[in-house]
Amino acid sequence: MNTKRQYRTYTKEFKEEAIGLITEQGYSVAQAADVLGVSQNLLYTWKQKADELNNSSVNADERTELMALRKEVKQLRMEKEILKKASAFFAKEMK
């Protein structure tokens, strides 16, 4: 029997409200986790990411562009490695 773990996904609004319980309403992370039915580690992760975004000097448009550029760089590096291997293969064949 192959049982694949199902991960729950949460909306951005849910995450913002969860962080609001901690930052604005004074709940501890443990209390907020119990109320919401999520793990404390998950709340800490959400809070840390929100803090990083709030303290970032990069706006949302720049962040989106940065993510797209990083994705493109990753793709180009992968293509470069494929071309290196192909050229090495063809160089062997020509000998």
PDB file of N, CA and C in Angstrom:
ATOM      1  N   MET A   1       0.839  -1.183   0.000  1.00  0.00           N
ATOM      2  CA  MET A   1       0.000   0.000   0.000  1.00  0.00           C
ATOM      3  C   MET A   1       0.882   1.244   0.000  1.00  0.00           C
ATOM      4  N   ASN A   2       0.698   2.075  -0.968  1.00  0.00           N
ATOM      5  CA  ASN A   2       1.493   3.294  -1.108  1.00  0.00           C
ATOM      6  C   ASN A   2       0.644   4.485  -0.683  1.00  0.00           C
ATOM      7  N   THR A   3       0.921   4.996   0.506  1.00  0.00           N
ATOM      8  CA  THR A   3       0.169   6.160   0.984  1.00  0.00           C
ATOM      9  C   THR A   3       1.070   7.375   0.913  1.00  0.00           C
ATOM     10  N   LYS A   4       0.686   8.304   0.112  1.00  0.00           N
ATOM     11  CA  LYS A   4       1.438   9.535  -0.054  1.00  0.00           C
ATOM     12  C   LYS A   4       0.901  10.577   0.922  1.00  0.00           C
ATOM     13  N   ARG A   5       1.795  11.237   1.599  1.00  0.00           N
ATOM     14  CA  ARG A   5       1.397  12.246   2.588  1.00  0.00           C
ATOM     15  C   ARG A   5       0.772  13.443   1.877  1.00  0.00           C
ATOM     16  N   GLN A   6      -0.362  13.857   2.373  1.00  0.00           N
ATOM     17  CA  GLN A   6      -1.052  15.028   1.836  1.00  0.00           C
ATOM     18  C   GLN A   6      -0.696  16.242   2.689  1.00  0.00           C
ATOM     19  N   TYR A   7      -0.110  17.230   2.055  1.00  0.00           N
ATOM     20  CA  TYR A   7       0.241  18.455   2.759  1.00  0.00           C
ATOM     21  C   TYR A   7      -0.880  19.468   2.588  1.00  0.00           C
ATOM     22  N   ARG A   8      -1.205  20.135   3.691  1.00  0.00           N
ATOM     23  CA  ARG A   8      -2.230  21.165   3.631  1.00  0.00           C
ATOM     24  C   ARG A   8      -1.605  22.443   3.121  1.00  0.00           C
ATOM     25  N   THR A   9      -2.361  23.164   2.364  1.00  0.00           N
ATOM     26  CA  THR A   9      -1.906  24.471   1.909  1.00  0.00           C
ATOM     27  C   THR A   9      -2.777  25.533   2.572  1.00  0.00           C
ATOM     28  N   TYR A  10      -2.167  26.649   2.840  1.00  0.00           N
ATOM     29  CA  TYR A  10      -2.866  27.734   3.524  1.00  0.00           C
ATOM     30  C   TYR A  10      -2.814  28.979   2.644  1.00  0.00           C
ATOM     31  N   THR A  11      -3.884  29.728   2.683  1.00  0.00           N
ATOM     32  CA  THR A  11      -3.939  30.949   1.887  1.00  0.00           C
ATOM     33  C   THR A  11      -3.059  32.028   2.520  1.00  0.00           C
ATOM     34  N   LYS A  12      -2.719  33.000   1.717  1.00  0.00           N
ATOM     35  CA  LYS A  12      -1.924  34.133   2.193  1.00  0.00           C
ATOM     36  C   LYS A  12      -2.672  34.853   3.316  1.00  0.00           C
ATOM     37  N   GLU A  13      -3.982  34.987   3.152  1.00  0.00           N
ATOM     38  CA  GLU A  13      -4.789  35.673   4.169  1.00  0.00           C
ATOM     39  C   GLU A  13      -4.752  34.925   5.496  1.00  0.00           C
ATOM     40  N   PHE A  14      -4.847  33.592   5.433  1.00  0.00           N
ATOM     41  CA  PHE A  14      -4.799  32.790   6.656  1.00  0.00           C
ATOM     42  C   PHE A  14      -3.474  32.999   7.374  1.00  0.00           C
ATOM     43  N   LYS A  15      -2.383  32.977   6.604  1.00  0.00           N
ATOM     44  CA  LYS A  15      -1.059  33.163   7.197  1.00  0.00           C
ATOM     45  C   LYS A  15      -0.933  34.550   7.826  1.00  0.00           C
ATOM     46  N   GLU A  16      -1.457  35.567   7.138  1.00  0.00           N
ATOM     47  CA  GLU A  16      -1.387  36.930   7.674  1.00  0.00           C
ATOM     48  C   GLU A  16      -2.185  37.051   8.963  1.00  0.00           C
ATOM     49  N   GLU A  17      -3.361  36.430   9.002  1.00  0.00           N
ATOM     50  CA  GLU A  17      -4.169  36.472  10.218  1.00  0.00           C
ATOM     51  C   GLU A  17      -3.485  35.715  11.348  1.00  0.00           C
ATOM     52  N   ALA A  18      -2.843  34.604  11.025  1.00  0.00           N
ATOM     53  CA  ALA A  18      -2.130  33.830  12.046  1.00  0.00           C
ATOM     54  C   ALA A  18      -0.992  34.652  12.638  1.00  0.00           C
ATOM     55  N   ILE A  19      -0.248  35.338  11.793  1.00  0.00           N
ATOM     56  CA  ILE A  19       0.844  36.182  12.266  1.00  0.00           C
ATOM     57  C   ILE A  19       0.290  37.354  13.072  1.00  0.00           C
ATOM     58  N   GLY A  20      -0.873  37.858  12.651  1.00  0.00           N
ATOM     59  CA  GLY A  20      -1.520  38.951  13.376  1.00  0.00           C
ATOM     60  C   GLY A  20      -1.896  38.565  14.798  1.00  0.00           C
ATOM     61  N   LEU A  21      -2.295  37.304  14.993  1.00  0.00           N
ATOM     62  CA  LEU A  21      -2.603  36.843  16.360  1.00  0.00           C
ATOM     63  C   LEU A  21      -1.391  37.017  17.269  1.00  0.00           C
ATOM     64  N   ILE A  22      -0.226  36.753  16.725  1.00  0.00           N
ATOM     65  CA  ILE A  22       1.002  36.817  17.520  1.00  0.00           C
ATOM     66  C   ILE A  22       1.462  38.268  17.696  1.00  0.00           C
ATOM     67  N   THR A  23       1.511  38.992  16.584  1.00  0.00           N
ATOM     68  CA  THR A  23       2.117  40.326  16.632  1.00  0.00           C
ATOM     69  C   THR A  23       1.164  41.403  17.141  1.00  0.00           C
ATOM     70  N   GLU A  24      -0.116  41.305  16.797  1.00  0.00           N
ATOM     71  CA  GLU A  24      -1.049  42.379  17.134  1.00  0.00           C
ATOM     72  C   GLU A  24      -1.924  42.077  18.350  1.00  0.00           C
ATOM     73  N   GLN A  25      -2.251  40.803  18.533  1.00  0.00           N
ATOM     74  CA  GLN A  25      -3.173  40.471  19.614  1.00  0.00           C
ATOM     75  C   GLN A  25      -2.494  39.864  20.827  1.00  0.00           C
ATOM     76  N   GLY A  26      -1.188  39.696  20.772  1.00  0.00           N
ATOM     77  CA  GLY A  26      -0.444  39.268  21.943  1.00  0.00           C
ATOM     78  C   GLY A  26      -0.489  37.787  22.259  1.00  0.00           C
ATOM     79  N   TYR A  27      -0.949  36.966  21.337  1.00  0.00           N
ATOM     80  CA  TYR A  27      -0.930  35.527  21.571  1.00  0.00           C
ATOM     81  C   TYR A  27       0.512  35.030  21.526  1.00  0.00           C
ATOM     82  N   SER A  28       0.798  33.993  22.303  1.00  0.00           N
ATOM     83  CA  SER A  28       2.094  33.340  22.145  1.00  0.00           C
ATOM     84  C   SER A  28       1.997  32.443  20.914  1.00  0.00           C
ATOM     85  N   VAL A  29       3.124  32.017  20.419  1.00  0.00           N
ATOM     86  CA  VAL A  29       3.116  31.148  19.241  1.00  0.00           C
ATOM     87  C   VAL A  29       2.396  29.842  19.567  1.00  0.00           C
ATOM     88  N   ALA A  30       2.620  29.318  20.760  1.00  0.00           N
ATOM     89  CA  ALA A  30       1.966  28.067  21.163  1.00  0.00           C
ATOM     90  C   ALA A  30       0.444  28.239  21.225  1.00  0.00           C
ATOM     91  N   GLN A  31      -0.012  29.352  21.784  1.00  0.00           N
ATOM     92  CA  GLN A  31      -1.453  29.602  21.872  1.00  0.00           C
ATOM     93  C   GLN A  31      -2.061  29.745  20.482  1.00  0.00           C
ATOM     94  N   ALA A  32      -1.418  30.510  19.626  1.00  0.00           N
ATOM     95  CA  ALA A  32      -1.929  30.719  18.273  1.00  0.00           C
ATOM     96  C   ALA A  32      -1.957  29.405  17.504  1.00  0.00           C
ATOM     97  N   ALA A  33      -0.940  28.584  17.666  1.00  0.00           N
ATOM     98  CA  ALA A  33      -0.881  27.292  16.978  1.00  0.00           C
ATOM     99  C   ALA A  33      -2.037  26.402  17.432  1.00  0.00           C
ATOM    100  N   ASP A  34      -2.311  26.389  18.735  1.00  0.00           N
ATOM    101  CA  ASP A  34      -3.430  25.587  19.252  1.00  0.00           C
ATOM    102  C   ASP A  34      -4.767  26.078  18.711  1.00  0.00           C
ATOM    103  N   VAL A  35      -4.960  27.383  18.708  1.00  0.00           N
ATOM    104  CA  VAL A  35      -6.213  27.962  18.234  1.00  0.00           C
ATOM    105  C   VAL A  35      -6.433  27.650  16.757  1.00  0.00           C
ATOM    106  N   LEU A  36      -5.378  27.749  15.972  1.00  0.00           N
ATOM    107  CA  LEU A  36      -5.489  27.579  14.524  1.00  0.00           C
ATOM    108  C   LEU A  36      -5.365  26.129  14.068  1.00  0.00           C
ATOM    109  N   GLY A  37      -4.843  25.273  14.928  1.00  0.00           N
ATOM    110  CA  GLY A  37      -4.678  23.874  14.550  1.00  0.00           C
ATOM    111  C   GLY A  37      -3.500  23.638  13.617  1.00  0.00           C
ATOM    112  N   VAL A  38      -2.451  24.422  13.790  1.00  0.00           N
ATOM    113  CA  VAL A  38      -1.230  24.242  13.000  1.00  0.00           C
ATOM    114  C   VAL A  38      -0.061  24.052  13.964  1.00  0.00           C
ATOM    115  N   SER A  39       1.067  23.603  13.434  1.00  0.00           N
ATOM    116  CA  SER A  39       2.220  23.387  14.304  1.00  0.00           C
ATOM    117  C   SER A  39       2.906  24.716  14.638  1.00  0.00           C
ATOM    118  N   GLN A  40       3.590  24.711  15.760  1.00  0.00           N
ATOM    119  CA  GLN A  40       4.320  25.904  16.174  1.00  0.00           C
ATOM    120  C   GLN A  40       5.443  26.213  15.190  1.00  0.00           C
ATOM    121  N   ASN A  41       6.108  25.167  14.691  1.00  0.00           N
ATOM    122  CA  ASN A  41       7.199  25.380  13.735  1.00  0.00           C
ATOM    123  C   ASN A  41       6.698  26.091  12.490  1.00  0.00           C
ATOM    124  N   LEU A  42       5.503  25.734  12.036  1.00  0.00           N
ATOM    125  CA  LEU A  42       4.931  26.361  10.856  1.00  0.00           C
ATOM    126  C   LEU A  42       4.685  27.852  11.109  1.00  0.00           C
ATOM    127  N   LEU A  43       4.159  28.167  12.268  1.00  0.00           N
ATOM    128  CA  LEU A  43       3.924  29.581  12.608  1.00  0.00           C
ATOM    129  C   LEU A  43       5.235  30.365  12.696  1.00  0.00           C
ATOM    130  N   TYR A  44       6.255  29.747  13.302  1.00  0.00           N
ATOM    131  CA  TYR A  44       7.553  30.418  13.374  1.00  0.00           C
ATOM    132  C   TYR A  44       8.100  30.688  11.971  1.00  0.00           C
ATOM    133  N   THR A  45       7.930  29.715  11.074  1.00  0.00           N
ATOM    134  CA  THR A  45       8.397  29.886   9.697  1.00  0.00           C
ATOM    135  C   THR A  45       7.662  31.024   9.008  1.00  0.00           C
ATOM    136  N   TRP A  46       6.337  31.046   9.134  1.00  0.00           N
ATOM    137  CA  TRP A  46       5.540  32.121   8.528  1.00  0.00           C
ATOM    138  C   TRP A  46       5.955  33.474   9.070  1.00  0.00           C
ATOM    139  N   LYS A  47       6.143  33.556  10.384  1.00  0.00           N
ATOM    140  CA  LYS A  47       6.511  34.820  11.022  1.00  0.00           C
ATOM    141  C   LYS A  47       7.887  35.277  10.556  1.00  0.00           C
ATOM    142  N   GLN A  48       8.824  34.353  10.457  1.00  0.00           N
ATOM    143  CA  GLN A  48      10.171  34.698  10.013  1.00  0.00           C
ATOM    144  C   GLN A  48      10.148  35.217   8.574  1.00  0.00           C
ATOM    145  N   LYS A  49       9.401  34.567   7.700  1.00  0.00           N
ATOM    146  CA  LYS A  49       9.311  35.022   6.312  1.00  0.00           C
ATOM    147  C   LYS A  49       8.654  36.396   6.224  1.00  0.00           C
ATOM    148  N   ALA A  50       7.628  36.613   7.029  1.00  0.00           N
ATOM    149  CA  ALA A  50       6.954  37.916   7.034  1.00  0.00           C
ATOM    150  C   ALA A  50       7.898  39.002   7.534  1.00  0.00           C
ATOM    151  N   ASP A  51       8.664  38.694   8.568  1.00  0.00           N
ATOM    152  CA  ASP A  51       9.635  39.665   9.092  1.00  0.00           C
ATOM    153  C   ASP A  51      10.691  40.001   8.042  1.00  0.00           C
ATOM    154  N   GLU A  52      11.154  38.983   7.310  1.00  0.00           N
ATOM    155  CA  GLU A  52      12.149  39.216   6.268  1.00  0.00           C
ATOM    156  C   GLU A  52      11.585  40.116   5.173  1.00  0.00           C
ATOM    157  N   LEU A  53      10.324  39.870   4.797  1.00  0.00           N
ATOM    158  CA  LEU A  53       9.704  40.684   3.753  1.00  0.00           C
ATOM    159  C   LEU A  53       9.510  42.119   4.220  1.00  0.00           C
ATOM    160  N   ASN A  54       9.120  42.294   5.478  1.00  0.00           N
ATOM    161  CA  ASN A  54       8.890  43.638   6.016  1.00  0.00           C
ATOM    162  C   ASN A  54      10.188  44.416   6.168  1.00  0.00           C
ATOM    163  N   ASN A  55      11.271  43.714   6.458  1.00  0.00           N
ATOM    164  CA  ASN A  55      12.559  44.385   6.662  1.00  0.00           C
ATOM    165  C   ASN A  55      13.349  44.510   5.365  1.00  0.00           C
ATOM    166  N   SER A  56      12.819  43.986   4.299  1.00  0.00           N
ATOM    167  CA  SER A  56      13.510  44.007   3.017  1.00  0.00           C
ATOM    168  C   SER A  56      13.393  45.384   2.371  1.00  0.00           C
ATOM    169  N   SER A  57      14.453  45.787   1.685  1.00  0.00           N
ATOM    170  CA  SER A  57      14.412  47.057   0.989  1.00  0.00           C
ATOM    171  C   SER A  57      13.928  46.880  -0.449  1.00  0.00           C
ATOM    172  N   VAL A  58      13.539  45.649  -0.795  1.00  0.00           N
ATOM    173  CA  VAL A  58      13.082  45.330  -2.145  1.00  0.00           C
ATOM    174  C   VAL A  58      11.550  45.333  -2.148  1.00  0.00           C
ATOM    175  N   ASN A  59      10.952  46.061  -3.102  1.00  0.00           N
ATOM    176  CA  ASN A  59       9.490  46.079  -3.158  1.00  0.00           C
ATOM    177  C   ASN A  59       8.967  44.833  -3.883  1.00  0.00           C
ATOM    178  N   ALA A  60       7.667  44.669  -3.953  1.00  0.00           N
ATOM    179  CA  ALA A  60       7.052  43.453  -4.493  1.00  0.00           C
ATOM    180  C   ALA A  60       7.393  43.254  -5.967  1.00  0.00           C
ATOM    181  N   ASP A  61       7.382  44.323  -6.760  1.00  0.00           N
ATOM    182  CA  ASP A  61       7.719  44.201  -8.173  1.00  0.00           C
ATOM    183  C   ASP A  61       9.165  43.757  -8.362  1.00  0.00           C
ATOM    184  N   GLU A  62      10.054  44.345  -7.591  1.00  0.00           N
ATOM    185  CA  GLU A  62      11.462  43.974  -7.683  1.00  0.00           C
ATOM    186  C   GLU A  62      11.679  42.531  -7.246  1.00  0.00           C
ATOM    187  N   ARG A  63      10.961  42.124  -6.207  1.00  0.00           N
ATOM    188  CA  ARG A  63      11.060  40.751  -5.709  1.00  0.00           C
ATOM    189  C   ARG A  63      10.587  39.760  -6.771  1.00  0.00           C
ATOM    190  N   THR A  64       9.501  40.098  -7.459  1.00  0.00           N
ATOM    191  CA  THR A  64       8.981  39.240  -8.525  1.00  0.00           C
ATOM    192  C   THR A  64       9.994  39.137  -9.661  1.00  0.00           C
ATOM    193  N   GLU A  65      10.567  40.278 -10.029  1.00  0.00           N
ATOM    194  CA  GLU A  65      11.571  40.277 -11.092  1.00  0.00           C
ATOM    195  C   GLU A  65      12.802  39.475 -10.674  1.00  0.00           C
ATOM    196  N   LEU A  66      13.223  39.628  -9.432  1.00  0.00           N
ATOM    197  CA  LEU A  66      14.377  38.901  -8.924  1.00  0.00           C
ATOM    198  C   LEU A  66      14.140  37.393  -8.977  1.00  0.00           C
ATOM    199  N   MET A  67      12.955  36.967  -8.588  1.00  0.00           N
ATOM    200  CA  MET A  67      12.633  35.538  -8.631  1.00  0.00           C
ATOM    201  C   MET A  67      12.648  35.027 -10.078  1.00  0.00           C
ATOM    202  N   ALA A  68      12.112  35.815 -11.012  1.00  0.00           N
ATOM    203  CA  ALA A  68      12.099  35.414 -12.422  1.00  0.00           C
ATOM    204  C   ALA A  68      13.530  35.329 -12.961  1.00  0.00           C
ATOM    205  N   LEU A  69      14.364  36.285 -12.594  1.00  0.00           N
ATOM    206  CA  LEU A  69      15.747  36.278 -13.049  1.00  0.00           C
ATOM    207  C   LEU A  69      16.520  35.096 -12.476  1.00  0.00           C
ATOM    208  N   ARG A  70      16.284  34.784 -11.222  1.00  0.00           N
ATOM    209  CA  ARG A  70      16.951  33.623 -10.615  1.00  0.00           C
ATOM    210  C   ARG A  70      16.535  32.334 -11.314  1.00  0.00           C
ATOM    211  N   LYS A  71      15.261  32.251 -11.650  1.00  0.00           N
ATOM    212  CA  LYS A  71      14.769  31.072 -12.364  1.00  0.00           C
ATOM    213  C   LYS A  71      15.440  30.965 -13.734  1.00  0.00           C
ATOM    214  N   GLU A  72      15.563  32.100 -14.422  1.00  0.00           N
ATOM    215  CA  GLU A  72      16.196  32.120 -15.735  1.00  0.00           C
ATOM    216  C   GLU A  72      17.669  31.738 -15.638  1.00  0.00           C
ATOM    217  N   VAL A  73      18.375  32.245 -14.632  1.00  0.00           N
ATOM    218  CA  VAL A  73      19.784  31.907 -14.435  1.00  0.00           C
ATOM    219  C   VAL A  73      19.938  30.407 -14.201  1.00  0.00           C
ATOM    220  N   LYS A  74      19.070  29.849 -13.394  1.00  0.00           N
ATOM    221  CA  LYS A  74      19.118  28.407 -13.121  1.00  0.00           C
ATOM    222  C   LYS A  74      18.933  27.618 -14.415  1.00  0.00           C
ATOM    223  N   GLN A  75      17.970  28.031 -15.235  1.00  0.00           N
ATOM    224  CA  GLN A  75      17.702  27.366 -16.512  1.00  0.00           C
ATOM    225  C   GLN A  75      18.912  27.483 -17.438  1.00  0.00           C
ATOM    226  N   LEU A  76      19.494  28.675 -17.523  1.00  0.00           N
ATOM    227  CA  LEU A  76      20.646  28.886 -18.394  1.00  0.00           C
ATOM    228  C   LEU A  76      21.852  28.068 -17.940  1.00  0.00           C
ATOM    229  N   ARG A  77      22.061  27.963 -16.651  1.00  0.00           N
ATOM    230  CA  ARG A  77      23.172  27.144 -16.137  1.00  0.00           C
ATOM    231  C   ARG A  77      22.977  25.680 -16.495  1.00  0.00           C
ATOM    232  N   MET A  78      21.740  25.212 -16.377  1.00  0.00           N
ATOM    233  CA  MET A  78      21.439  23.831 -16.724  1.00  0.00           C
ATOM    234  C   MET A  78      21.697  23.595 -18.216  1.00  0.00           C
ATOM    235  N   GLU A  79      21.251  24.521 -19.052  1.00  0.00           N
ATOM    236  CA  GLU A  79      21.473  24.402 -20.495  1.00  0.00           C
ATOM    237  C   GLU A  79      22.968  24.433 -20.824  1.00  0.00           C
ATOM    238  N   LYS A  80      23.717  25.256 -20.119  1.00  0.00           N
ATOM    239  CA  LYS A  80      25.163  25.343 -20.333  1.00  0.00           C
ATOM    240  C   LYS A  80      25.828  24.009 -20.025  1.00  0.00           C
ATOM    241  N   GLU A  81      25.432  23.373 -18.932  1.00  0.00           N
ATOM    242  CA  GLU A  81      25.997  22.073 -18.565  1.00  0.00           C
ATOM    243  C   GLU A  81      25.664  21.016 -19.619  1.00  0.00           C
ATOM    244  N   ILE A  82      24.451  21.055 -20.136  1.00  0.00           N
ATOM    245  CA  ILE A  82      24.053  20.107 -21.181  1.00  0.00           C
ATOM    246  C   ILE A  82      24.909  20.319 -22.423  1.00  0.00           C
ATOM    247  N   LEU A  83      25.122  21.573 -22.808  1.00  0.00           N
ATOM    248  CA  LEU A  83      25.951  21.866 -23.977  1.00  0.00           C
ATOM    249  C   LEU A  83      27.407  21.442 -23.769  1.00  0.00           C
ATOM    250  N   LYS A  84      27.926  21.614 -22.560  1.00  0.00           N
ATOM    251  CA  LYS A  84      29.285  21.168 -22.257  1.00  0.00           C
ATOM    252  C   LYS A  84      29.414  19.664 -22.468  1.00  0.00           C
ATOM    253  N   LYS A  85      28.439  18.927 -21.945  1.00  0.00           N
ATOM    254  CA  LYS A  85      28.470  17.468 -22.066  1.00  0.00           C
ATOM    255  C   LYS A  85      28.324  17.041 -23.525  1.00  0.00           C
ATOM    256  N   ALA A  86      27.453  17.728 -24.254  1.00  0.00           N
ATOM    257  CA  ALA A  86      27.255  17.389 -25.664  1.00  0.00           C
ATOM    258  C   ALA A  86      28.513  17.679 -26.466  1.00  0.00           C
ATOM    259  N   SER A  87      29.164  18.809 -26.219  1.00  0.00           N
ATOM    260  CA  SER A  87      30.377  19.138 -26.970  1.00  0.00           C
ATOM    261  C   SER A  87      31.496  18.160 -26.638  1.00  0.00           C
ATOM    262  N   ALA A  88      31.596  17.729 -25.392  1.00  0.00           N
ATOM    263  CA  ALA A  88      32.600  16.734 -25.008  1.00  0.00           C
ATOM    264  C   ALA A  88      32.320  15.411 -25.711  1.00  0.00           C
ATOM    265  N   PHE A  89      31.071  15.029 -25.785  1.00  0.00           N
ATOM    266  CA  PHE A  89      30.680  13.795 -26.458  1.00  0.00           C
ATOM    267  C   PHE A  89      31.045  13.852 -27.935  1.00  0.00           C
ATOM    268  N   PHE A  90      30.706  14.940 -28.612  1.00  0.00           N
ATOM    269  CA  PHE A  90      30.984  15.058 -30.038  1.00  0.00           C
ATOM    270  C   PHE A  90      32.490  15.196 -30.310  1.00  0.00           C
ATOM    271  N   ALA A  91      33.221  15.798 -29.407  1.00  0.00           N
ATOM    272  CA  ALA A  91      34.672  15.891 -29.554  1.00  0.00           C
ATOM    273  C   ALA A  91      35.288  14.499 -29.518  1.00  0.00           C
ATOM    274  N   LYS A  92      34.783  13.620 -28.664  1.00  0.00           N
ATOM    275  CA  LYS A  92      35.257  12.231 -28.608  1.00  0.00           C
ATOM    276  C   LYS A  92      34.934  11.509 -29.911  1.00  0.00           C
ATOM    277  N   GLU A  93      33.742  11.718 -30.414  1.00  0.00           N
ATOM    278  CA  GLU A  93      33.299  11.040 -31.638  1.00  0.00           C
ATOM    279  C   GLU A  93      34.143  11.429 -32.840  1.00  0.00           C
ATOM    280  N   MET A  94      34.638  12.651 -32.882  1.00  0.00           N
ATOM    281  CA  MET A  94      35.391  13.128 -34.033  1.00  0.00           C
ATOM    282  C   MET A  94      36.821  12.586 -34.060  1.00  0.00           C
ATOM    283  N   LYS A  95      37.314  12.131 -32.924  1.00  0.00           N
ATOM    284  CA  LYS A  95      38.703  11.600 -32.843  1.00  0.00           C
ATOM    285  C   LYS A  95      38.812  10.247 -33.484  1.00  0.00           C
TER     286      LYS A  95
END
